[in-house]
């Protein structure tokens, strides 16, 4: 597929990319990343077991996955402005209500509400919004959005810690709720256009055009869904248990933590590369490359990961593949299925990914408990090899 020689992320596209980047940082930081800091005080005050506190994230992903197909279809017809603005209000309401929770039932009900709001504001809507605004430069804009959104933990973990120490977790959640009303809502209403997306005219083969012919779409969807879901098993499972897995290979706790910390630089580096030089390669080539580097790195980690250099190589490969995942899961459907039905396909793709994301940490925890770090590495290696096979089959089917 042909791509523009350089990115032109300026004007409305630039404003939308920057604005959505800010709202994505807030969206991820106040929901998915929030229990990493506030989980302990929530557990202590509500008297919940640790696994129940973190099960809120499972509820978040499950509800978001179930809601995403319908939301994706709505985005194709009506654009993202109204949905994302309403999602900002819903997220604020969910966080504010969570600040008053006093037991398990109320706690999980709030996470279910946040899951619906999450589907309206984070991930699928932001990518569809940029595809509708940026046109032929959607690939670069989505990659830049991934770079900005990747700062969520860097911003919100220390902020949450400071607010909790000063005001407690309940007032911290109220502050987070206010951010969605004071910052996210005005941004969504300002940078996103009103009404349905305008028709897009692109050159032959350019990203965002008609995509694959109808007779190839079913097979392409099944293969892409399989590849992305298997990849999510690796990414969401390992991100929770990564430090423990490297400790199980023989690394001291501080060294295992230092190894895991290298994920961030690897993710940011590959996303910046996608912004500046990604246009030189087809989306499919980038997807296959990312799918190939993951099992290679995991195999190195499994075979030699008890020493520092192979462990760092393993984590770098994981970071590169995970960094590209945020771009590929939006740009590859755009290239395969076109912009007109991007929301529909991304919503459908989000369903299996969300279900796997909800289950992966629990499954990998059980594997770690029974077979240790070697068993966990074997599990994620098998999933990554199957994901690569599905992506290679997709590349062949989409020629």
Protein backbone atom coordinates (compact mmCIF):
# COMPACT_ATOMS: atom_id res chain seq x y z
CA UNK A 1 0.00 0.00 0.00
CA UNK A 2 1.20 3.52 -0.76
CA UNK A 3 1.58 6.17 1.91
CA UNK A 4 2.34 9.89 1.96
CA UNK A 5 6.00 10.78 1.94
CA UNK A 6 5.75 12.61 5.27
CA UNK A 7 3.28 13.30 8.00
CA UNK A 8 1.34 16.58 7.97
CA UNK A 9 -0.06 16.65 11.48
CA UNK A 10 -1.01 20.31 11.53
CA UNK A 11 -4.19 22.41 11.65
CA UNK A 12 -7.32 20.55 12.79
CA UNK A 13 -5.46 17.23 12.74
CA UNK A 14 -2.71 18.59 14.96
CA UNK A 15 -5.17 20.11 17.41
CA UNK A 16 -7.22 16.91 17.55
CA UNK A 17 -4.11 14.75 18.05
CA UNK A 18 -2.79 16.91 20.88
CA UNK A 19 -6.22 17.31 22.48
CA UNK A 20 -7.05 13.62 22.31
CA UNK A 21 -3.57 12.83 23.60
CA UNK A 22 -4.35 14.83 26.74
CA UNK A 23 -7.73 13.16 27.21
CA UNK A 24 -6.18 9.71 26.67
CA UNK A 25 -3.58 10.37 29.37
CA UNK A 26 -6.36 11.36 31.75
CA UNK A 27 -8.63 8.51 30.62
CA UNK A 28 -6.03 5.77 31.14
CA UNK A 29 -4.51 7.38 34.22
CA UNK A 30 -7.76 7.77 36.18
CA UNK A 31 -9.22 4.34 35.37
CA UNK A 32 -7.01 1.42 34.29
CA UNK A 33 -3.85 2.73 36.01
CA UNK A 34 -5.56 4.10 39.12
CA UNK A 35 -5.66 0.88 41.26
CA UNK A 36 -1.87 0.54 40.95
CA UNK A 37 -1.60 3.44 43.41
CA UNK A 38 -4.98 3.61 45.14
CA UNK A 39 -5.62 -0.14 45.33
CA UNK A 40 -3.95 -0.53 48.73
CA UNK A 41 -5.87 2.24 50.57
CA UNK A 42 -9.13 1.14 48.90
CA UNK A 43 -8.52 -2.43 50.04
CA UNK A 44 -7.70 -1.39 53.59
CA UNK A 45 -10.74 0.86 54.01
CA UNK A 46 -13.33 -1.31 52.28
CA UNK A 47 -11.99 -4.55 53.73
CA UNK A 48 -11.75 -6.23 50.34
CA UNK A 49 -9.23 -8.88 49.35
CA UNK A 50 -6.49 -7.64 47.04
CA UNK A 51 -7.69 -9.79 44.14
CA UNK A 52 -11.19 -8.30 44.46
CA UNK A 53 -9.83 -4.75 44.33
CA UNK A 54 -7.92 -5.48 41.13
CA UNK A 55 -10.86 -7.41 39.70
CA UNK A 56 -12.36 -3.99 39.11
CA UNK A 57 -10.06 -3.74 36.08
CA UNK A 58 -11.42 -7.07 34.84
CA UNK A 59 -14.96 -5.68 35.08
CA UNK A 60 -13.78 -2.53 33.26
CA UNK A 61 -12.41 -4.50 30.31
CA UNK A 62 -15.33 -6.93 30.16
CA UNK A 63 -18.03 -4.24 30.05
CA UNK A 64 -15.99 -2.12 27.64
CA UNK A 65 -15.55 -5.09 25.32
CA UNK A 66 -19.26 -5.88 25.30
CA UNK A 67 -20.19 -2.26 24.56
CA UNK A 68 -17.54 -1.60 21.89
CA UNK A 69 -19.27 -3.16 18.83
CA UNK A 70 -22.40 -1.01 19.21
CA UNK A 71 -20.33 2.09 19.97
CA UNK A 72 -18.14 1.47 16.93
CA UNK A 73 -21.16 1.34 14.61
CA UNK A 74 -22.47 4.57 16.14
CA UNK A 75 -19.12 6.30 15.54
CA UNK A 76 -19.22 5.41 11.83
CA UNK A 77 -22.63 7.01 11.43
CA UNK A 78 -22.36 10.03 13.70
CA UNK A 79 -18.71 10.85 14.33
CA UNK A 80 -16.89 10.80 17.68
CA UNK A 81 -17.66 14.23 19.17
CA UNK A 82 -20.95 13.48 20.91
CA UNK A 83 -19.93 10.01 22.07
CA UNK A 84 -16.63 11.13 23.58
CA UNK A 85 -18.19 14.18 25.24
CA UNK A 86 -20.90 12.01 26.81
CA UNK A 87 -18.20 9.53 27.82
CA UNK A 88 -16.33 12.28 29.69
CA UNK A 89 -19.45 13.02 31.74
CA UNK A 90 -20.04 9.29 32.34
CA UNK A 91 -16.44 8.76 33.47
CA UNK A 92 -16.71 11.68 35.89
CA UNK A 93 -19.93 10.23 37.28
CA UNK A 94 -18.40 6.77 37.67
CA UNK A 95 -15.33 8.06 39.49
CA UNK A 96 -17.38 10.34 41.74
CA UNK A 97 -19.70 7.47 42.65
CA UNK A 98 -16.74 5.17 43.27
CA UNK A 99 -15.42 7.68 45.81
CA UNK A 100 -18.52 6.95 47.96
CA UNK A 101 -18.37 3.14 47.63
CA UNK A 102 -18.59 1.30 50.94
CA UNK A 103 -18.64 -2.36 49.93
CA UNK A 104 -17.98 -4.90 47.20
CA UNK A 105 -21.36 -4.52 45.43
CA UNK A 106 -21.06 -0.75 45.05
CA UNK A 107 -17.39 -1.07 44.13
CA UNK A 108 -18.04 -3.43 41.21
CA UNK A 109 -21.12 -1.52 40.07
CA UNK A 110 -18.97 1.60 39.74
CA UNK A 111 -16.36 -0.30 37.74
CA UNK A 112 -19.10 -1.56 35.41
CA UNK A 113 -20.21 2.03 34.82
CA UNK A 114 -16.60 3.02 34.23
CA UNK A 115 -16.28 0.18 31.71
CA UNK A 116 -19.10 1.64 29.62
CA UNK A 117 -17.58 5.12 29.87
CA UNK A 118 -14.17 3.67 28.98
CA UNK A 119 -15.59 2.24 25.75
CA UNK A 120 -17.00 5.70 24.91
CA UNK A 121 -13.76 7.64 25.39
CA UNK A 122 -10.58 5.49 25.39
CA UNK A 123 -9.08 3.42 22.60
CA UNK A 124 -11.57 2.78 19.79
CA UNK A 125 -13.28 6.24 19.78
CA UNK A 126 -9.98 8.17 19.78
CA UNK A 127 -8.56 6.14 16.89
CA UNK A 128 -11.76 6.38 14.87
CA UNK A 129 -11.91 10.12 15.55
CA UNK A 130 -8.40 10.66 14.20
CA UNK A 131 -9.08 8.45 11.17
CA UNK A 132 -12.11 10.61 10.40
CA UNK A 133 -10.21 13.88 10.86
CA UNK A 134 -6.68 13.12 9.64
CA UNK A 135 -7.65 11.33 6.43
CA UNK A 136 -4.59 10.05 4.60
CA UNK A 137 -2.36 11.09 7.50
CA UNK A 138 -4.28 8.97 10.00
CA UNK A 139 -1.42 6.50 10.44
CA UNK A 140 1.03 9.14 11.64
CA UNK A 141 -1.60 10.88 13.79
CA UNK A 142 -2.58 7.61 15.51
CA UNK A 143 1.10 6.79 16.12
CA UNK A 144 1.65 10.22 17.66
CA UNK A 145 -1.45 9.74 19.81
CA UNK A 146 0.05 6.47 21.06
CA UNK A 147 3.28 8.29 21.98
CA UNK A 148 1.38 10.89 24.00
CA UNK A 149 -0.97 8.37 25.60
CA UNK A 150 2.01 6.29 26.68
CA UNK A 151 2.82 9.00 29.23
CA UNK A 152 -0.26 8.19 31.32
CA UNK A 153 1.56 6.17 33.98
CA UNK A 154 4.42 8.66 34.10
CA UNK A 155 1.95 11.45 34.84
CA UNK A 156 -0.72 9.79 36.94
CA UNK A 157 1.14 7.39 39.22
CA UNK A 158 3.02 10.19 41.01
CA UNK A 159 -0.02 12.49 40.90
CA UNK A 160 -2.24 9.82 42.44
CA UNK A 161 0.36 9.12 45.11
CA UNK A 162 0.66 12.78 46.09
CA UNK A 163 -3.10 13.34 46.16
CA UNK A 164 -3.71 10.18 48.19
CA UNK A 165 -1.06 11.15 50.74
CA UNK A 166 -2.57 14.64 51.09
CA UNK A 167 -6.33 14.03 50.81
CA UNK A 168 -7.00 10.27 50.82
CA UNK A 169 -8.25 8.02 48.02
CA UNK A 170 -11.88 9.20 48.09
CA UNK A 171 -11.04 12.86 47.51
CA UNK A 172 -8.42 11.81 44.94
CA UNK A 173 -11.17 10.14 42.92
CA UNK A 174 -13.26 13.31 43.14
CA UNK A 175 -10.32 15.29 41.76
CA UNK A 176 -10.00 12.73 38.95
CA UNK A 177 -13.72 13.08 38.22
CA UNK A 178 -13.35 16.86 38.00
CA UNK A 179 -10.55 16.48 35.43
CA UNK A 180 -12.98 14.78 33.03
CA UNK A 181 -15.45 17.67 33.32
CA UNK A 182 -12.99 20.56 33.40
CA UNK A 183 -10.44 19.29 30.86
CA UNK A 184 -11.68 16.30 28.83
CA UNK A 185 -15.23 17.46 28.10
CA UNK A 186 -14.19 20.90 26.69
CA UNK A 187 -11.43 19.28 24.61
CA UNK A 188 -13.81 16.76 23.05
CA UNK A 189 -16.33 19.48 22.26
CA UNK A 190 -13.65 21.78 20.82
CA UNK A 191 -11.27 19.65 18.74
CA UNK A 192 -13.75 17.16 17.28
CA UNK A 193 -16.06 18.17 14.41
CA UNK A 194 -19.83 18.08 14.65
CA UNK A 195 -21.91 15.53 12.81
CA UNK A 196 -21.12 12.57 10.62
CA UNK A 197 -17.66 12.28 9.04
CA UNK A 198 -17.28 13.79 5.58
CA UNK A 199 -16.51 11.47 2.65
CA UNK A 200 -12.80 10.84 2.21
CA UNK A 201 -11.14 10.85 -1.20
CA UNK A 202 -7.77 9.09 -1.33
CA UNK A 203 -5.49 7.84 -4.03
CA UNK A 204 -5.43 4.16 -5.04
CA UNK A 205 -3.99 1.99 -2.28
CA UNK A 206 -3.69 4.79 0.27
CA UNK A 207 -4.68 4.06 3.85
CA UNK A 208 -8.29 4.93 4.62
CA UNK A 209 -9.64 4.02 1.19
CA UNK A 210 -12.09 1.25 0.39
CA UNK A 211 -9.91 -1.51 1.85
CA UNK A 212 -10.27 -5.15 0.89
CA UNK A 213 -13.04 -6.34 -1.44
CA UNK A 214 -16.10 -7.73 0.41
CA UNK A 215 -15.32 -11.38 -0.36
CA UNK A 216 -11.99 -11.16 1.51
CA UNK A 217 -13.17 -9.30 4.58
CA UNK A 218 -14.54 -12.18 6.64
CA UNK A 219 -11.31 -14.17 6.48
CA UNK A 220 -9.25 -11.04 7.12
CA UNK A 221 -11.35 -10.14 10.14
CA UNK A 222 -11.07 -13.63 11.66
CA UNK A 223 -7.30 -13.74 11.18
CA UNK A 224 -6.77 -10.21 12.49
CA UNK A 225 -9.04 -10.84 15.47
CA UNK A 226 -7.09 -14.00 16.30
CA UNK A 227 -3.71 -12.29 16.00
CA UNK A 228 -4.71 -9.28 18.12
CA UNK A 229 -6.44 -11.34 20.82
CA UNK A 230 -3.46 -13.70 21.19
CA UNK A 231 -1.15 -10.69 21.34
CA UNK A 232 -3.30 -9.18 24.09
CA UNK A 233 -2.92 -12.36 26.12
CA UNK A 234 0.84 -11.80 26.11
CA UNK A 235 0.73 -8.05 26.69
CA UNK A 236 -1.89 -7.83 29.44
CA UNK A 237 -0.76 -11.04 31.13
CA UNK A 238 2.91 -10.12 31.26
CA UNK A 239 2.43 -6.48 32.26
CA UNK A 240 0.91 -7.65 35.56
CA UNK A 241 3.35 -10.50 36.26
CA UNK A 242 6.51 -9.34 34.49
CA UNK A 243 8.58 -8.62 37.60
CA UNK A 244 7.62 -11.92 39.20
CA UNK A 245 8.45 -13.81 35.99
CA UNK A 246 11.97 -12.40 35.87
CA UNK A 247 12.43 -13.01 39.58
CA UNK A 248 11.42 -16.61 38.92
CA UNK A 249 14.21 -16.89 36.36
CA UNK A 250 16.73 -16.02 39.05
CA UNK A 251 17.03 -12.22 39.03
CA UNK A 252 17.11 -10.39 42.38
CA UNK A 253 14.02 -8.22 43.07
CA UNK A 254 15.75 -4.89 42.32
CA UNK A 255 17.24 -6.23 39.10
CA UNK A 256 13.91 -7.71 37.98
CA UNK A 257 12.29 -4.33 38.56
CA UNK A 258 15.02 -2.56 36.56
CA UNK A 259 14.58 -5.01 33.68
CA UNK A 260 10.81 -4.49 33.63
CA UNK A 261 11.27 -0.71 33.67
CA UNK A 262 12.90 -0.89 30.22
CA UNK A 263 9.51 -1.58 28.64
CA UNK A 264 8.65 2.12 28.63
CA UNK A 265 11.70 3.38 26.67
CA UNK A 266 11.27 0.57 24.12
CA UNK A 267 7.59 1.42 23.59
CA UNK A 268 8.23 5.14 23.19
CA UNK A 269 11.16 4.58 20.81
CA UNK A 270 9.22 2.36 18.40
CA UNK A 271 6.19 4.67 18.43
CA UNK A 272 8.36 7.68 17.61
CA UNK A 273 9.94 5.67 14.80
CA UNK A 274 6.43 4.93 13.48
CA UNK A 275 5.63 8.66 13.50
CA UNK A 276 8.72 9.72 11.57
CA UNK A 277 9.62 6.79 9.31
CA UNK A 278 6.58 4.51 9.41
CA UNK A 279 5.34 5.90 6.09
CA UNK A 280 8.24 4.14 4.36
CA UNK A 281 6.70 0.74 5.06
CA UNK A 282 3.24 -0.70 4.60
CA UNK A 283 1.08 -1.15 7.68
CA UNK A 284 1.08 -4.90 7.03
CA UNK A 285 4.89 -5.03 6.97
CA UNK A 286 5.03 -3.21 10.29
CA UNK A 287 2.41 -5.55 11.76
CA UNK A 288 4.25 -8.68 10.66
CA UNK A 289 7.55 -7.28 11.93
CA UNK A 290 6.06 -6.51 15.35
CA UNK A 291 4.45 -9.95 15.50
CA UNK A 292 7.77 -11.61 14.63
CA UNK A 293 9.96 -9.78 17.15
CA UNK A 294 7.78 -10.84 20.10
CA UNK A 295 8.28 -14.64 19.98
CA UNK A 296 11.97 -14.11 19.19
CA UNK A 297 12.44 -12.03 22.33
CA UNK A 298 10.36 -14.39 24.50
CA UNK A 299 12.35 -17.39 23.25
CA UNK A 300 15.61 -15.64 24.16
CA UNK A 301 14.20 -14.82 27.58
CA UNK A 302 13.09 -18.41 28.15
CA UNK A 303 16.41 -19.90 27.03
CA UNK A 304 18.91 -17.42 28.51
CA UNK A 305 16.86 -14.99 30.60
CA UNK A 306 18.63 -15.79 33.86
CA UNK A 307 21.42 -13.45 32.75
CA UNK A 308 21.02 -9.71 32.32
CA UNK A 309 21.71 -9.12 28.61
CA UNK A 310 19.27 -11.75 27.23
CA UNK A 311 16.68 -10.56 29.75
CA UNK A 312 17.06 -6.99 28.50
CA UNK A 313 16.79 -8.22 24.90
CA UNK A 314 13.61 -10.06 25.82
CA UNK A 315 12.05 -7.03 27.47
CA UNK A 316 13.10 -4.77 24.57
CA UNK A 317 11.33 -7.10 22.11
CA UNK A 318 8.24 -7.09 24.33
CA UNK A 319 8.32 -3.29 24.51
CA UNK A 320 8.70 -2.90 20.75
CA UNK A 321 5.82 -5.29 20.02
CA UNK A 322 3.62 -3.76 22.71
CA UNK A 323 4.45 -0.25 21.52
CA UNK A 324 3.44 -1.10 17.98
CA UNK A 325 0.26 -2.82 19.16
CA UNK A 326 -1.37 0.49 20.03
CA UNK A 327 -0.77 1.73 16.48
CA UNK A 328 -1.43 -1.49 14.55
CA UNK A 329 -4.78 -2.29 16.16
CA UNK A 330 -6.10 0.97 14.69
CA UNK A 331 -4.13 1.42 11.45
CA UNK A 332 -4.31 -2.17 10.21
CA UNK A 333 -8.14 -2.29 10.34
CA UNK A 334 -8.11 1.11 8.62
CA UNK A 335 -5.95 -0.27 5.82
CA UNK A 336 -7.90 -3.53 5.50
CA UNK A 337 -11.48 -2.32 5.87
CA UNK A 338 -11.39 1.40 4.99
CA UNK A 339 -12.52 4.41 6.98
CA UNK A 340 -16.25 4.18 6.28
CA UNK A 341 -16.63 1.08 8.50
CA UNK A 342 -13.61 1.52 10.77
CA UNK A 343 -15.70 2.00 13.91
CA UNK A 344 -17.72 -1.14 13.20
CA UNK A 345 -14.66 -3.31 12.68
CA UNK A 346 -12.66 -1.83 15.56
CA UNK A 347 -15.64 -2.32 17.86
CA UNK A 348 -15.95 -5.96 16.82
CA UNK A 349 -12.21 -6.48 17.20
CA UNK A 350 -12.32 -4.92 20.66
CA UNK A 351 -14.70 -7.59 21.96
CA UNK A 352 -12.30 -10.60 21.89
CA UNK A 353 -9.38 -8.38 22.85
CA UNK A 354 -11.26 -7.10 25.89
CA UNK A 355 -12.31 -10.56 27.00
CA UNK A 356 -8.74 -11.86 26.68
CA UNK A 357 -7.39 -8.79 28.51
CA UNK A 358 -9.78 -9.50 31.37
CA UNK A 359 -8.78 -13.18 31.59
CA UNK A 360 -5.04 -13.12 30.83
CA UNK A 361 -3.72 -11.89 34.23
CA UNK A 362 -5.78 -14.51 36.07
CA UNK A 363 -4.73 -17.34 33.73
CA UNK A 364 -1.06 -16.39 33.85
CA UNK A 365 -1.22 -16.09 37.65
CA UNK A 366 -2.47 -19.68 37.81
CA UNK A 367 0.30 -20.82 35.46
CA UNK A 368 2.90 -19.06 37.59
CA UNK A 369 1.53 -20.66 40.73
CA UNK A 370 1.60 -24.17 39.29
CA UNK A 371 4.53 -24.22 36.86
CA UNK A 372 6.59 -21.19 37.83
CA UNK A 373 8.27 -18.59 35.62
CA UNK A 374 9.35 -21.15 33.00
CA UNK A 375 5.77 -22.29 32.57
CA UNK A 376 4.58 -18.69 32.26
CA UNK A 377 7.21 -17.95 29.61
CA UNK A 378 6.22 -21.07 27.68
CA UNK A 379 2.54 -20.01 27.79
CA UNK A 380 3.18 -16.52 26.43
CA UNK A 381 5.68 -17.87 23.86
CA UNK A 382 3.06 -20.28 22.48
CA UNK A 383 0.50 -17.47 22.28
CA UNK A 384 2.98 -15.19 20.48
CA UNK A 385 3.89 -17.89 17.93
CA UNK A 386 0.20 -18.49 17.17
CA UNK A 387 -0.31 -14.73 16.84
CA UNK A 388 2.57 -14.54 14.35
CA UNK A 389 1.10 -17.43 12.34
CA UNK A 390 -2.26 -15.66 12.15
CA UNK A 391 -0.61 -12.40 11.09
CA UNK A 392 1.39 -14.14 8.35
CA UNK A 393 -1.78 -15.81 7.10
CA UNK A 394 -3.49 -12.41 7.11
CA UNK A 395 -0.65 -10.87 5.10
CA UNK A 396 -1.01 -13.60 2.51
CA UNK A 397 -4.82 -13.35 2.39
CA UNK A 398 -4.72 -9.55 2.05
CA UNK A 399 -2.32 -9.37 -0.89
